[in-house]
């Protein structure tokens, strides 16, 4: 299980341009443009981005855990009582699933394959 570590943080925004401008002005972060719906952080101290495409409710942060074996991670999450909210799906860069842990926090696990 040592491979399951926090790898990425994704902010959800109802106004991606305003969020990007805020973080650039307030914190000096740069961004990598992946189109009108997604901006990745640059020089923020952690890998992450701003999602304007509705993956999560606006104003929330989504913590993303990286796994070497996504199917094994899914089995462990379910065995521990996690509830899958979005089954495994492909996205540019890999595959991922969303789940809610028993206390109510939603997280994502992703893998490159």
PDB file of N, CA and C in Angstrom:
ATOM      1  N   UNK A   1       0.811  -1.203   0.000  1.00  0.00           N
ATOM      2  CA  UNK A   1       0.000   0.000   0.000  1.00  0.00           C
ATOM      3  C   UNK A   1       0.853   1.265   0.000  1.00  0.00           C
ATOM      4  N   UNK A   2       2.142   1.124   0.113  1.00  0.00           N
ATOM      5  CA  UNK A   2       2.997   2.304   0.186  1.00  0.00           C
ATOM      6  C   UNK A   2       2.928   3.155  -1.077  1.00  0.00           C
ATOM      7  N   UNK A   3       2.436   2.580  -2.188  1.00  0.00           N
ATOM      8  CA  UNK A   3       2.384   3.361  -3.414  1.00  0.00           C
ATOM      9  C   UNK A   3       1.227   4.357  -3.423  1.00  0.00           C
ATOM     10  N   UNK A   4       0.274   4.250  -2.543  1.00  0.00           N
ATOM     11  CA  UNK A   4      -0.908   5.121  -2.544  1.00  0.00           C
ATOM     12  C   UNK A   4      -0.617   6.390  -1.751  1.00  0.00           C
ATOM     13  N   UNK A   5      -0.198   7.422  -2.468  1.00  0.00           N
ATOM     14  CA  UNK A   5       0.179   8.698  -1.848  1.00  0.00           C
ATOM     15  C   UNK A   5      -0.559   9.830  -2.527  1.00  0.00           C
ATOM     16  N   UNK A   6      -0.828  10.904  -1.773  1.00  0.00           N
ATOM     17  CA  UNK A   6      -1.435  12.091  -2.364  1.00  0.00           C
ATOM     18  C   UNK A   6      -0.496  12.599  -3.450  1.00  0.00           C
ATOM     19  N   UNK A   7      -1.058  12.823  -4.631  1.00  0.00           N
ATOM     20  CA  UNK A   7      -0.258  13.163  -5.801  1.00  0.00           C
ATOM     21  C   UNK A   7      -0.669  14.486  -6.441  1.00  0.00           C
ATOM     22  N   UNK A   8      -1.891  14.941  -6.183  1.00  0.00           N
ATOM     23  CA  UNK A   8      -2.429  16.056  -6.959  1.00  0.00           C
ATOM     24  C   UNK A   8      -3.615  16.643  -6.199  1.00  0.00           C
ATOM     25  N   UNK A   9      -3.821  17.928  -6.321  1.00  0.00           N
ATOM     26  CA  UNK A   9      -4.990  18.589  -5.728  1.00  0.00           C
ATOM     27  C   UNK A   9      -5.688  19.366  -6.832  1.00  0.00           C
ATOM     28  N   UNK A  10      -6.987  19.178  -6.941  1.00  0.00           N
ATOM     29  CA  UNK A  10      -7.747  19.816  -8.004  1.00  0.00           C
ATOM     30  C   UNK A  10      -8.828  20.699  -7.397  1.00  0.00           C
ATOM     31  N   UNK A  11      -8.764  21.990  -7.688  1.00  0.00           N
ATOM     32  CA  UNK A  11      -9.797  22.925  -7.248  1.00  0.00           C
ATOM     33  C   UNK A  11     -10.876  22.966  -8.319  1.00  0.00           C
ATOM     34  N   UNK A  12     -12.115  23.026  -7.903  1.00  0.00           N
ATOM     35  CA  UNK A  12     -13.224  23.162  -8.837  1.00  0.00           C
ATOM     36  C   UNK A  12     -13.706  24.606  -8.803  1.00  0.00           C
ATOM     37  N   UNK A  13     -13.885  25.194  -9.977  1.00  0.00           N
ATOM     38  CA  UNK A  13     -14.229  26.606 -10.050  1.00  0.00           C
ATOM     39  C   UNK A  13     -15.416  26.834 -10.974  1.00  0.00           C
ATOM     40  N   UNK A  14     -16.298  27.708 -10.550  1.00  0.00           N
ATOM     41  CA  UNK A  14     -17.400  28.153 -11.392  1.00  0.00           C
ATOM     42  C   UNK A  14     -16.963  29.244 -12.353  1.00  0.00           C
ATOM     43  N   UNK A  15     -15.773  29.810 -12.142  1.00  0.00           N
ATOM     44  CA  UNK A  15     -15.228  30.861 -13.009  1.00  0.00           C
ATOM     45  C   UNK A  15     -13.718  30.662 -13.064  1.00  0.00           C
ATOM     46  N   UNK A  16     -13.286  29.803 -13.974  1.00  0.00           N
ATOM     47  CA  UNK A  16     -11.881  29.405 -14.031  1.00  0.00           C
ATOM     48  C   UNK A  16     -10.958  30.595 -14.297  1.00  0.00           C
ATOM     49  N   UNK A  17     -11.377  31.537 -15.123  1.00  0.00           N
ATOM     50  CA  UNK A  17     -10.537  32.704 -15.418  1.00  0.00           C
ATOM     51  C   UNK A  17     -10.315  33.545 -14.162  1.00  0.00           C
ATOM     52  N   UNK A  18     -11.375  33.750 -13.380  1.00  0.00           N
ATOM     53  CA  UNK A  18     -11.257  34.533 -12.143  1.00  0.00           C
ATOM     54  C   UNK A  18     -10.386  33.805 -11.121  1.00  0.00           C
ATOM     55  N   UNK A  19     -10.553  32.478 -11.021  1.00  0.00           N
ATOM     56  CA  UNK A  19      -9.730  31.711 -10.087  1.00  0.00           C
ATOM     57  C   UNK A  19      -8.266  31.772 -10.494  1.00  0.00           C
ATOM     58  N   UNK A  20      -8.001  31.592 -11.767  1.00  0.00           N
ATOM     59  CA  UNK A  20      -6.626  31.650 -12.269  1.00  0.00           C
ATOM     60  C   UNK A  20      -6.009  33.018 -11.973  1.00  0.00           C
ATOM     61  N   UNK A  21      -6.733  34.075 -12.272  1.00  0.00           N
ATOM     62  CA  UNK A  21      -6.231  35.428 -12.006  1.00  0.00           C
ATOM     63  C   UNK A  21      -5.965  35.639 -10.517  1.00  0.00           C
ATOM     64  N   UNK A  22      -6.875  35.143  -9.670  1.00  0.00           N
ATOM     65  CA  UNK A  22      -6.696  35.295  -8.224  1.00  0.00           C
ATOM     66  C   UNK A  22      -5.402  34.637  -7.758  1.00  0.00           C
ATOM     67  N   UNK A  23      -5.207  33.362  -8.102  1.00  0.00           N
ATOM     68  CA  UNK A  23      -4.028  32.642  -7.630  1.00  0.00           C
ATOM     69  C   UNK A  23      -2.742  33.218  -8.206  1.00  0.00           C
ATOM     70  N   UNK A  24      -2.801  33.719  -9.430  1.00  0.00           N
ATOM     71  CA  UNK A  24      -1.621  34.360 -10.022  1.00  0.00           C
ATOM     72  C   UNK A  24      -1.275  35.638  -9.263  1.00  0.00           C
ATOM     73  N   UNK A  25      -2.288  36.454  -8.966  1.00  0.00           N
ATOM     74  CA  UNK A  25      -2.043  37.723  -8.272  1.00  0.00           C
ATOM     75  C   UNK A  25      -1.710  37.520  -6.795  1.00  0.00           C
ATOM     76  N   UNK A  26      -2.470  36.680  -6.116  1.00  0.00           N
ATOM     77  CA  UNK A  26      -2.300  36.517  -4.669  1.00  0.00           C
ATOM     78  C   UNK A  26      -1.057  35.712  -4.315  1.00  0.00           C
ATOM     79  N   UNK A  27      -0.747  34.675  -5.087  1.00  0.00           N
ATOM     80  CA  UNK A  27       0.321  33.755  -4.718  1.00  0.00           C
ATOM     81  C   UNK A  27       1.452  33.678  -5.735  1.00  0.00           C
ATOM     82  N   UNK A  28       1.295  34.316  -6.891  1.00  0.00           N
ATOM     83  CA  UNK A  28       2.333  34.292  -7.909  1.00  0.00           C
ATOM     84  C   UNK A  28       2.440  32.988  -8.675  1.00  0.00           C
ATOM     85  N   UNK A  29       1.372  32.168  -8.628  1.00  0.00           N
ATOM     86  CA  UNK A  29       1.404  30.899  -9.344  1.00  0.00           C
ATOM     87  C   UNK A  29       1.311  31.126 -10.837  1.00  0.00           C
ATOM     88  N   UNK A  30       1.964  30.262 -11.589  1.00  0.00           N
ATOM     89  CA  UNK A  30       1.809  30.210 -13.030  1.00  0.00           C
ATOM     90  C   UNK A  30       0.842  29.086 -13.374  1.00  0.00           C
ATOM     91  N   UNK A  31       0.499  28.986 -14.637  1.00  0.00           N
ATOM     92  CA  UNK A  31      -0.462  27.969 -15.065  1.00  0.00           C
ATOM     93  C   UNK A  31      -0.069  27.382 -16.404  1.00  0.00           C
ATOM     94  N   UNK A  32      -0.466  26.151 -16.612  1.00  0.00           N
ATOM     95  CA  UNK A  32      -0.317  25.469 -17.883  1.00  0.00           C
ATOM     96  C   UNK A  32      -1.730  25.288 -18.429  1.00  0.00           C
ATOM     97  N   UNK A  33      -1.977  25.817 -19.597  1.00  0.00           N
ATOM     98  CA  UNK A  33      -3.307  25.836 -20.200  1.00  0.00           C
ATOM     99  C   UNK A  33      -3.598  24.506 -20.895  1.00  0.00           C
ATOM    100  N   UNK A  34      -4.633  23.823 -20.436  1.00  0.00           N
ATOM    101  CA  UNK A  34      -5.094  22.594 -21.080  1.00  0.00           C
ATOM    102  C   UNK A  34      -6.452  22.811 -21.729  1.00  0.00           C
ATOM    103  N   UNK A  35      -6.738  24.036 -22.110  1.00  0.00           N
ATOM    104  CA  UNK A  35      -8.001  24.364 -22.761  1.00  0.00           C
ATOM    105  C   UNK A  35      -8.852  25.227 -21.851  1.00  0.00           C
ATOM    106  N   UNK A  36     -10.031  25.603 -22.319  1.00  0.00           N
ATOM    107  CA  UNK A  36     -10.858  26.532 -21.558  1.00  0.00           C
ATOM    108  C   UNK A  36     -11.390  25.969 -20.238  1.00  0.00           C
ATOM    109  N   UNK A  37     -11.367  24.657 -20.080  1.00  0.00           N
ATOM    110  CA  UNK A  37     -11.937  24.053 -18.885  1.00  0.00           C
ATOM    111  C   UNK A  37     -10.941  23.554 -17.862  1.00  0.00           C
ATOM    112  N   UNK A  38      -9.624  23.710 -18.136  1.00  0.00           N
ATOM    113  CA  UNK A  38      -8.657  23.184 -17.171  1.00  0.00           C
ATOM    114  C   UNK A  38      -7.342  23.945 -17.233  1.00  0.00           C
ATOM    115  N   UNK A  39      -6.846  24.320 -16.066  1.00  0.00           N
ATOM    116  CA  UNK A  39      -5.555  24.991 -15.918  1.00  0.00           C
ATOM    117  C   UNK A  39      -4.767  24.260 -14.840  1.00  0.00           C
ATOM    118  N   UNK A  40      -3.574  23.781 -15.169  1.00  0.00           N
ATOM    119  CA  UNK A  40      -2.717  23.139 -14.170  1.00  0.00           C
ATOM    120  C   UNK A  40      -1.868  24.194 -13.479  1.00  0.00           C
ATOM    121  N   UNK A  41      -1.570  23.984 -12.184  1.00  0.00           N
ATOM    122  CA  UNK A  41      -0.699  24.895 -11.444  1.00  0.00           C
ATOM    123  C   UNK A  41       0.736  24.769 -11.943  1.00  0.00           C
ATOM    124  N   UNK A  42       1.484  25.840 -11.834  1.00  0.00           N
ATOM    125  CA  UNK A  42       2.936  25.817 -12.029  1.00  0.00           C
ATOM    126  C   UNK A  42       3.535  26.594 -10.862  1.00  0.00           C
ATOM    127  N   UNK A  43       4.546  26.035 -10.236  1.00  0.00           N
ATOM    128  CA  UNK A  43       5.244  26.677  -9.111  1.00  0.00           C
ATOM    129  C   UNK A  43       4.337  26.943  -7.918  1.00  0.00           C
ATOM    130  N   UNK A  44       3.425  26.003  -7.624  1.00  0.00           N
ATOM    131  CA  UNK A  44       2.506  26.172  -6.497  1.00  0.00           C
ATOM    132  C   UNK A  44       2.933  25.369  -5.272  1.00  0.00           C
ATOM    133  N   UNK A  45       3.994  24.576  -5.383  1.00  0.00           N
ATOM    134  CA  UNK A  45       4.447  23.783  -4.251  1.00  0.00           C
ATOM    135  C   UNK A  45       3.893  22.377  -4.238  1.00  0.00           C
ATOM    136  N   UNK A  46       2.867  22.112  -5.037  1.00  0.00           N
ATOM    137  CA  UNK A  46       2.265  20.793  -5.188  1.00  0.00           C
ATOM    138  C   UNK A  46       1.660  20.738  -6.575  1.00  0.00           C
ATOM    139  N   UNK A  47       1.620  19.563  -7.161  1.00  0.00           N
ATOM    140  CA  UNK A  47       0.968  19.429  -8.456  1.00  0.00           C
ATOM    141  C   UNK A  47      -0.538  19.547  -8.268  1.00  0.00           C
ATOM    142  N   UNK A  48      -1.171  20.241  -9.186  1.00  0.00           N
ATOM    143  CA  UNK A  48      -2.614  20.394  -9.117  1.00  0.00           C
ATOM    144  C   UNK A  48      -3.122  21.246 -10.247  1.00  0.00           C
ATOM    145  N   UNK A  49      -4.398  21.579 -10.162  1.00  0.00           N
ATOM    146  CA  UNK A  49      -4.992  22.391 -11.201  1.00  0.00           C
ATOM    147  C   UNK A  49      -6.347  22.914 -10.805  1.00  0.00           C
ATOM    148  N   UNK A  50      -6.926  23.678 -11.723  1.00  0.00           N
ATOM    149  CA  UNK A  50      -8.259  24.241 -11.544  1.00  0.00           C
ATOM    150  C   UNK A  50      -9.141  23.662 -12.625  1.00  0.00           C
ATOM    151  N   UNK A  51     -10.216  22.991 -12.205  1.00  0.00           N
ATOM    152  CA  UNK A  51     -11.154  22.371 -13.118  1.00  0.00           C
ATOM    153  C   UNK A  51     -12.384  23.251 -13.250  1.00  0.00           C
ATOM    154  N   UNK A  52     -12.670  23.687 -14.429  1.00  0.00           N
ATOM    155  CA  UNK A  52     -13.884  24.461 -14.681  1.00  0.00           C
ATOM    156  C   UNK A  52     -14.936  23.638 -15.387  1.00  0.00           C
ATOM    157  N   UNK A  53     -14.705  22.334 -15.499  1.00  0.00           N
ATOM    158  CA  UNK A  53     -15.600  21.470 -16.261  1.00  0.00           C
ATOM    159  C   UNK A  53     -16.609  20.695 -15.457  1.00  0.00           C
ATOM    160  N   UNK A  54     -16.753  21.006 -14.175  1.00  0.00           N
ATOM    161  CA  UNK A  54     -17.810  20.367 -13.390  1.00  0.00           C
ATOM    162  C   UNK A  54     -17.513  18.993 -12.845  1.00  0.00           C
ATOM    163  N   UNK A  55     -16.233  18.591 -12.698  1.00  0.00           N
ATOM    164  CA  UNK A  55     -15.917  17.297 -12.089  1.00  0.00           C
ATOM    165  C   UNK A  55     -16.406  17.237 -10.640  1.00  0.00           C
ATOM    166  N   UNK A  56     -16.381  18.372  -9.952  1.00  0.00           N
ATOM    167  CA  UNK A  56     -16.846  18.446  -8.563  1.00  0.00           C
ATOM    168  C   UNK A  56     -17.589  19.769  -8.391  1.00  0.00           C
ATOM    169  N   UNK A  57     -18.281  19.913  -7.290  1.00  0.00           N
ATOM    170  CA  UNK A  57     -19.021  21.150  -7.032  1.00  0.00           C
ATOM    171  C   UNK A  57     -18.059  22.331  -6.930  1.00  0.00           C
ATOM    172  N   UNK A  58     -18.438  23.456  -7.531  1.00  0.00           N
ATOM    173  CA  UNK A  58     -17.591  24.651  -7.483  1.00  0.00           C
ATOM    174  C   UNK A  58     -17.290  25.020  -6.036  1.00  0.00           C
ATOM    175  N   UNK A  59     -16.060  25.433  -5.807  1.00  0.00           N
ATOM    176  CA  UNK A  59     -15.649  25.845  -4.474  1.00  0.00           C
ATOM    177  C   UNK A  59     -15.106  24.717  -3.624  1.00  0.00           C
ATOM    178  N   UNK A  60     -14.903  23.556  -4.214  1.00  0.00           N
ATOM    179  CA  UNK A  60     -14.371  22.423  -3.460  1.00  0.00           C
ATOM    180  C   UNK A  60     -12.968  22.086  -3.955  1.00  0.00           C
ATOM    181  N   UNK A  61     -12.253  21.331  -3.150  1.00  0.00           N
ATOM    182  CA  UNK A  61     -10.947  20.805  -3.549  1.00  0.00           C
ATOM    183  C   UNK A  61     -11.045  19.293  -3.564  1.00  0.00           C
ATOM    184  N   UNK A  62     -10.455  18.700  -4.564  1.00  0.00           N
ATOM    185  CA  UNK A  62     -10.474  17.258  -4.724  1.00  0.00           C
ATOM    186  C   UNK A  62      -9.046  16.753  -4.567  1.00  0.00           C
ATOM    187  N   UNK A  63      -8.817  15.894  -3.585  1.00  0.00           N
ATOM    188  CA  UNK A  63      -7.496  15.321  -3.351  1.00  0.00           C
ATOM    189  C   UNK A  63      -7.383  14.061  -4.194  1.00  0.00           C
ATOM    190  N   UNK A  64      -6.254  13.940  -4.892  1.00  0.00           N
ATOM    191  CA  UNK A  64      -6.066  12.835  -5.828  1.00  0.00           C
ATOM    192  C   UNK A  64      -4.865  12.007  -5.400  1.00  0.00           C
ATOM    193  N   UNK A  65      -5.097  10.704  -5.259  1.00  0.00           N
ATOM    194  CA  UNK A  65      -4.099   9.747  -4.817  1.00  0.00           C
ATOM    195  C   UNK A  65      -3.639   8.948  -6.034  1.00  0.00           C
ATOM    196  N   UNK A  66      -2.338   8.731  -6.160  1.00  0.00           N
ATOM    197  CA  UNK A  66      -1.808   7.959  -7.288  1.00  0.00           C
ATOM    198  C   UNK A  66      -1.588   6.518  -6.866  1.00  0.00           C
ATOM    199  N   UNK A  67      -1.953   5.592  -7.762  1.00  0.00           N
ATOM    200  CA  UNK A  67      -1.793   4.161  -7.518  1.00  0.00           C
ATOM    201  C   UNK A  67      -0.987   3.530  -8.640  1.00  0.00           C
ATOM    202  N   UNK A  68      -0.214   2.514  -8.316  1.00  0.00           N
ATOM    203  CA  UNK A  68       0.487   1.740  -9.339  1.00  0.00           C
ATOM    204  C   UNK A  68      -0.498   0.795 -10.029  1.00  0.00           C
ATOM    205  N   UNK A  69      -1.476   0.280  -9.278  1.00  0.00           N
ATOM    206  CA  UNK A  69      -2.462  -0.672  -9.798  1.00  0.00           C
ATOM    207  C   UNK A  69      -3.854  -0.153  -9.432  1.00  0.00           C
ATOM    208  N   UNK A  70      -4.535   0.439 -10.382  1.00  0.00           N
ATOM    209  CA  UNK A  70      -5.833   1.068 -10.119  1.00  0.00           C
ATOM    210  C   UNK A  70      -6.889   0.063  -9.690  1.00  0.00           C
ATOM    211  N   UNK A  71      -6.920  -1.100 -10.323  1.00  0.00           N
ATOM    212  CA  UNK A  71      -7.926  -2.101  -9.971  1.00  0.00           C
ATOM    213  C   UNK A  71      -7.728  -2.612  -8.539  1.00  0.00           C
ATOM    214  N   UNK A  72      -6.487  -2.816  -8.132  1.00  0.00           N
ATOM    215  CA  UNK A  72      -6.204  -3.245  -6.756  1.00  0.00           C
ATOM    216  C   UNK A  72      -6.593  -2.149  -5.769  1.00  0.00           C
ATOM    217  N   UNK A  73      -6.323  -0.889  -6.127  1.00  0.00           N
ATOM    218  CA  UNK A  73      -6.692   0.227  -5.246  1.00  0.00           C
ATOM    219  C   UNK A  73      -8.203   0.302  -5.096  1.00  0.00           C
ATOM    220  N   UNK A  74      -8.933   0.108  -6.186  1.00  0.00           N
ATOM    221  CA  UNK A  74     -10.399   0.114  -6.124  1.00  0.00           C
ATOM    222  C   UNK A  74     -10.897  -0.983  -5.185  1.00  0.00           C
ATOM    223  N   UNK A  75     -10.338  -2.168  -5.294  1.00  0.00           N
ATOM    224  CA  UNK A  75     -10.743  -3.275  -4.420  1.00  0.00           C
ATOM    225  C   UNK A  75     -10.474  -2.942  -2.957  1.00  0.00           C
ATOM    226  N   UNK A  76      -9.335  -2.317  -2.656  1.00  0.00           N
ATOM    227  CA  UNK A  76      -9.006  -1.955  -1.278  1.00  0.00           C
ATOM    228  C   UNK A  76      -9.946  -0.872  -0.750  1.00  0.00           C
ATOM    229  N   UNK A  77     -10.251   0.122  -1.595  1.00  0.00           N
ATOM    230  CA  UNK A  77     -11.166   1.198  -1.192  1.00  0.00           C
ATOM    231  C   UNK A  77     -12.529   0.609  -0.841  1.00  0.00           C
ATOM    232  N   UNK A  78     -13.052  -0.254  -1.692  1.00  0.00           N
ATOM    233  CA  UNK A  78     -14.362  -0.851  -1.433  1.00  0.00           C
ATOM    234  C   UNK A  78     -14.338  -1.759  -0.210  1.00  0.00           C
ATOM    235  N   UNK A  79     -13.276  -2.543  -0.037  1.00  0.00           N
ATOM    236  CA  UNK A  79     -13.173  -3.440   1.118  1.00  0.00           C
ATOM    237  C   UNK A  79     -13.103  -2.660   2.429  1.00  0.00           C
ATOM    238  N   UNK A  80     -12.549  -1.451   2.380  1.00  0.00           N
ATOM    239  CA  UNK A  80     -12.433  -0.624   3.585  1.00  0.00           C
ATOM    240  C   UNK A  80     -13.693   0.191   3.857  1.00  0.00           C
ATOM    241  N   UNK A  81     -14.700   0.078   2.991  1.00  0.00           N
ATOM    242  CA  UNK A  81     -15.956   0.792   3.227  1.00  0.00           C
ATOM    243  C   UNK A  81     -16.160   2.034   2.376  1.00  0.00           C
ATOM    244  N   UNK A  82     -15.263   2.291   1.425  1.00  0.00           N
ATOM    245  CA  UNK A  82     -15.443   3.427   0.527  1.00  0.00           C
ATOM    246  C   UNK A  82     -16.569   3.162  -0.457  1.00  0.00           C
ATOM    247  N   UNK A  83     -17.267   4.213  -0.862  1.00  0.00           N
ATOM    248  CA  UNK A  83     -18.375   4.104  -1.815  1.00  0.00           C
ATOM    249  C   UNK A  83     -17.954   4.789  -3.109  1.00  0.00           C
ATOM    250  N   UNK A  84     -17.910   4.034  -4.183  1.00  0.00           N
ATOM    251  CA  UNK A  84     -17.515   4.576  -5.480  1.00  0.00           C
ATOM    252  C   UNK A  84     -18.610   5.508  -5.982  1.00  0.00           C
ATOM    253  N   UNK A  85     -18.228   6.743  -6.315  1.00  0.00           N
ATOM    254  CA  UNK A  85     -19.186   7.720  -6.834  1.00  0.00           C
ATOM    255  C   UNK A  85     -19.053   7.891  -8.346  1.00  0.00           C
ATOM    256  N   UNK A  86     -17.888   7.554  -8.900  1.00  0.00           N
ATOM    257  CA  UNK A  86     -17.671   7.522 -10.353  1.00  0.00           C
ATOM    258  C   UNK A  86     -16.770   6.331 -10.635  1.00  0.00           C
ATOM    259  N   UNK A  87     -17.296   5.317 -11.340  1.00  0.00           N
ATOM    260  CA  UNK A  87     -16.481   4.142 -11.643  1.00  0.00           C
ATOM    261  C   UNK A  87     -15.260   4.518 -12.491  1.00  0.00           C
ATOM    262  N   UNK A  88     -14.352   3.593 -12.627  1.00  0.00           N
ATOM    263  CA  UNK A  88     -13.124   3.834 -13.397  1.00  0.00           C
ATOM    264  C   UNK A  88     -13.465   4.347 -14.786  1.00  0.00           C
ATOM    265  N   UNK A  89     -12.786   5.437 -15.168  1.00  0.00           N
ATOM    266  CA  UNK A  89     -12.928   5.991 -16.512  1.00  0.00           C
ATOM    267  C   UNK A  89     -11.575   6.515 -16.971  1.00  0.00           C
ATOM    268  N   UNK A  90     -11.426   6.623 -18.277  1.00  0.00           N
ATOM    269  CA  UNK A  90     -10.187   7.138 -18.864  1.00  0.00           C
ATOM    270  C   UNK A  90     -10.247   8.649 -18.965  1.00  0.00           C
ATOM    271  N   UNK A  91      -9.084   9.269 -18.858  1.00  0.00           N
ATOM    272  CA  UNK A  91      -8.933  10.709 -19.052  1.00  0.00           C
ATOM    273  C   UNK A  91      -7.545  10.912 -19.652  1.00  0.00           C
ATOM    274  N   UNK A  92      -7.258  12.083 -20.219  1.00  0.00           N
ATOM    275  CA  UNK A  92      -5.915  12.287 -20.771  1.00  0.00           C
ATOM    276  C   UNK A  92      -4.866  12.084 -19.676  1.00  0.00           C
ATOM    277  N   UNK A  93      -4.029  11.098 -19.849  1.00  0.00           N
ATOM    278  CA  UNK A  93      -2.979  10.827 -18.872  1.00  0.00           C
ATOM    279  C   UNK A  93      -3.169   9.535 -18.103  1.00  0.00           C
ATOM    280  N   UNK A  94      -4.348   8.933 -18.164  1.00  0.00           N
ATOM    281  CA  UNK A  94      -4.537   7.683 -17.438  1.00  0.00           C
ATOM    282  C   UNK A  94      -5.989   7.314 -17.220  1.00  0.00           C
ATOM    283  N   UNK A  95      -6.224   6.662 -16.076  1.00  0.00           N
ATOM    284  CA  UNK A  95      -7.576   6.260 -15.670  1.00  0.00           C
ATOM    285  C   UNK A  95      -7.749   6.652 -14.212  1.00  0.00           C
ATOM    286  N   UNK A  96      -9.013   6.825 -13.791  1.00  0.00           N
ATOM    287  CA  UNK A  96      -9.276   7.215 -12.409  1.00  0.00           C
ATOM    288  C   UNK A  96     -10.667   6.789 -11.998  1.00  0.00           C
ATOM    289  N   UNK A  97     -10.877   6.778 -10.673  1.00  0.00           N
ATOM    290  CA  UNK A  97     -12.221   6.617 -10.118  1.00  0.00           C
ATOM    291  C   UNK A  97     -12.357   7.565  -8.937  1.00  0.00           C
ATOM    292  N   UNK A  98     -13.598   7.932  -8.646  1.00  0.00           N
ATOM    293  CA  UNK A  98     -13.902   8.792  -7.506  1.00  0.00           C
ATOM    294  C   UNK A  98     -14.603   7.940  -6.458  1.00  0.00           C
ATOM    295  N   UNK A  99     -14.373   8.280  -5.190  1.00  0.00           N
ATOM    296  CA  UNK A  99     -15.051   7.562  -4.115  1.00  0.00           C
ATOM    297  C   UNK A  99     -15.253   8.495  -2.926  1.00  0.00           C
ATOM    298  N   UNK A 100     -16.150   8.085  -2.049  1.00  0.00           N
ATOM    299  CA  UNK A 100     -16.396   8.806  -0.807  1.00  0.00           C
ATOM    300  C   UNK A 100     -16.020   7.873   0.340  1.00  0.00           C
ATOM    301  N   UNK A 101     -15.156   8.370   1.234  1.00  0.00           N
ATOM    302  CA  UNK A 101     -14.779   7.558   2.399  1.00  0.00           C
ATOM    303  C   UNK A 101     -15.899   7.649   3.432  1.00  0.00           C
ATOM    304  N   UNK A 102     -15.918   6.765   4.445  1.00  0.00           N
ATOM    305  CA  UNK A 102     -17.045   6.713   5.374  1.00  0.00           C
ATOM    306  C   UNK A 102     -17.378   8.029   6.079  1.00  0.00           C
ATOM    307  N   UNK A 103     -16.418   8.937   6.235  1.00  0.00           N
ATOM    308  CA  UNK A 103     -16.689  10.225   6.871  1.00  0.00           C
ATOM    309  C   UNK A 103     -17.290  11.250   5.932  1.00  0.00           C
ATOM    310  N   UNK A 104     -17.367  10.926   4.637  1.00  0.00           N
ATOM    311  CA  UNK A 104     -18.016  11.807   3.677  1.00  0.00           C
ATOM    312  C   UNK A 104     -17.106  12.554   2.728  1.00  0.00           C
ATOM    313  N   UNK A 105     -15.776  12.444   2.890  1.00  0.00           N
ATOM    314  CA  UNK A 105     -14.848  13.160   2.013  1.00  0.00           C
ATOM    315  C   UNK A 105     -14.732  12.414   0.684  1.00  0.00           C
ATOM    316  N   UNK A 106     -14.874  13.153  -0.426  1.00  0.00           N
ATOM    317  CA  UNK A 106     -14.688  12.548  -1.737  1.00  0.00           C
ATOM    318  C   UNK A 106     -13.231  12.704  -2.164  1.00  0.00           C
ATOM    319  N   UNK A 107     -12.675  11.639  -2.695  1.00  0.00           N
ATOM    320  CA  UNK A 107     -11.307  11.605  -3.207  1.00  0.00           C
ATOM    321  C   UNK A 107     -11.283  10.909  -4.561  1.00  0.00           C
ATOM    322  N   UNK A 108     -10.131  10.961  -5.203  1.00  0.00           N
ATOM    323  CA  UNK A 108      -9.914  10.287  -6.483  1.00  0.00           C
ATOM    324  C   UNK A 108      -8.664   9.424  -6.351  1.00  0.00           C
ATOM    325  N   UNK A 109      -8.680   8.279  -6.997  1.00  0.00           N
ATOM    326  CA  UNK A 109      -7.467   7.478  -7.173  1.00  0.00           C
ATOM    327  C   UNK A 109      -7.246   7.369  -8.669  1.00  0.00           C
ATOM    328  N   UNK A 110      -5.982   7.592  -9.090  1.00  0.00           N
ATOM    329  CA  UNK A 110      -5.676   7.521 -10.507  1.00  0.00           C
ATOM    330  C   UNK A 110      -4.426   6.688 -10.737  1.00  0.00           C
ATOM    331  N   UNK A 111      -4.269   6.220 -11.967  1.00  0.00           N
ATOM    332  CA  UNK A 111      -3.074   5.497 -12.400  1.00  0.00           C
ATOM    333  C   UNK A 111      -2.803   5.870 -13.851  1.00  0.00           C
ATOM    334  N   UNK A 112      -1.554   5.759 -14.210  1.00  0.00           N
ATOM    335  CA  UNK A 112      -1.166   6.092 -15.576  1.00  0.00           C
ATOM    336  C   UNK A 112      -1.672   5.077 -16.596  1.00  0.00           C
ATOM    337  N   UNK A 113      -1.955   3.872 -16.206  1.00  0.00           N
ATOM    338  CA  UNK A 113      -2.397   2.824 -17.145  1.00  0.00           C
ATOM    339  C   UNK A 113      -3.857   2.531 -16.969  1.00  0.00           C
TER     340      UNK A 113
END
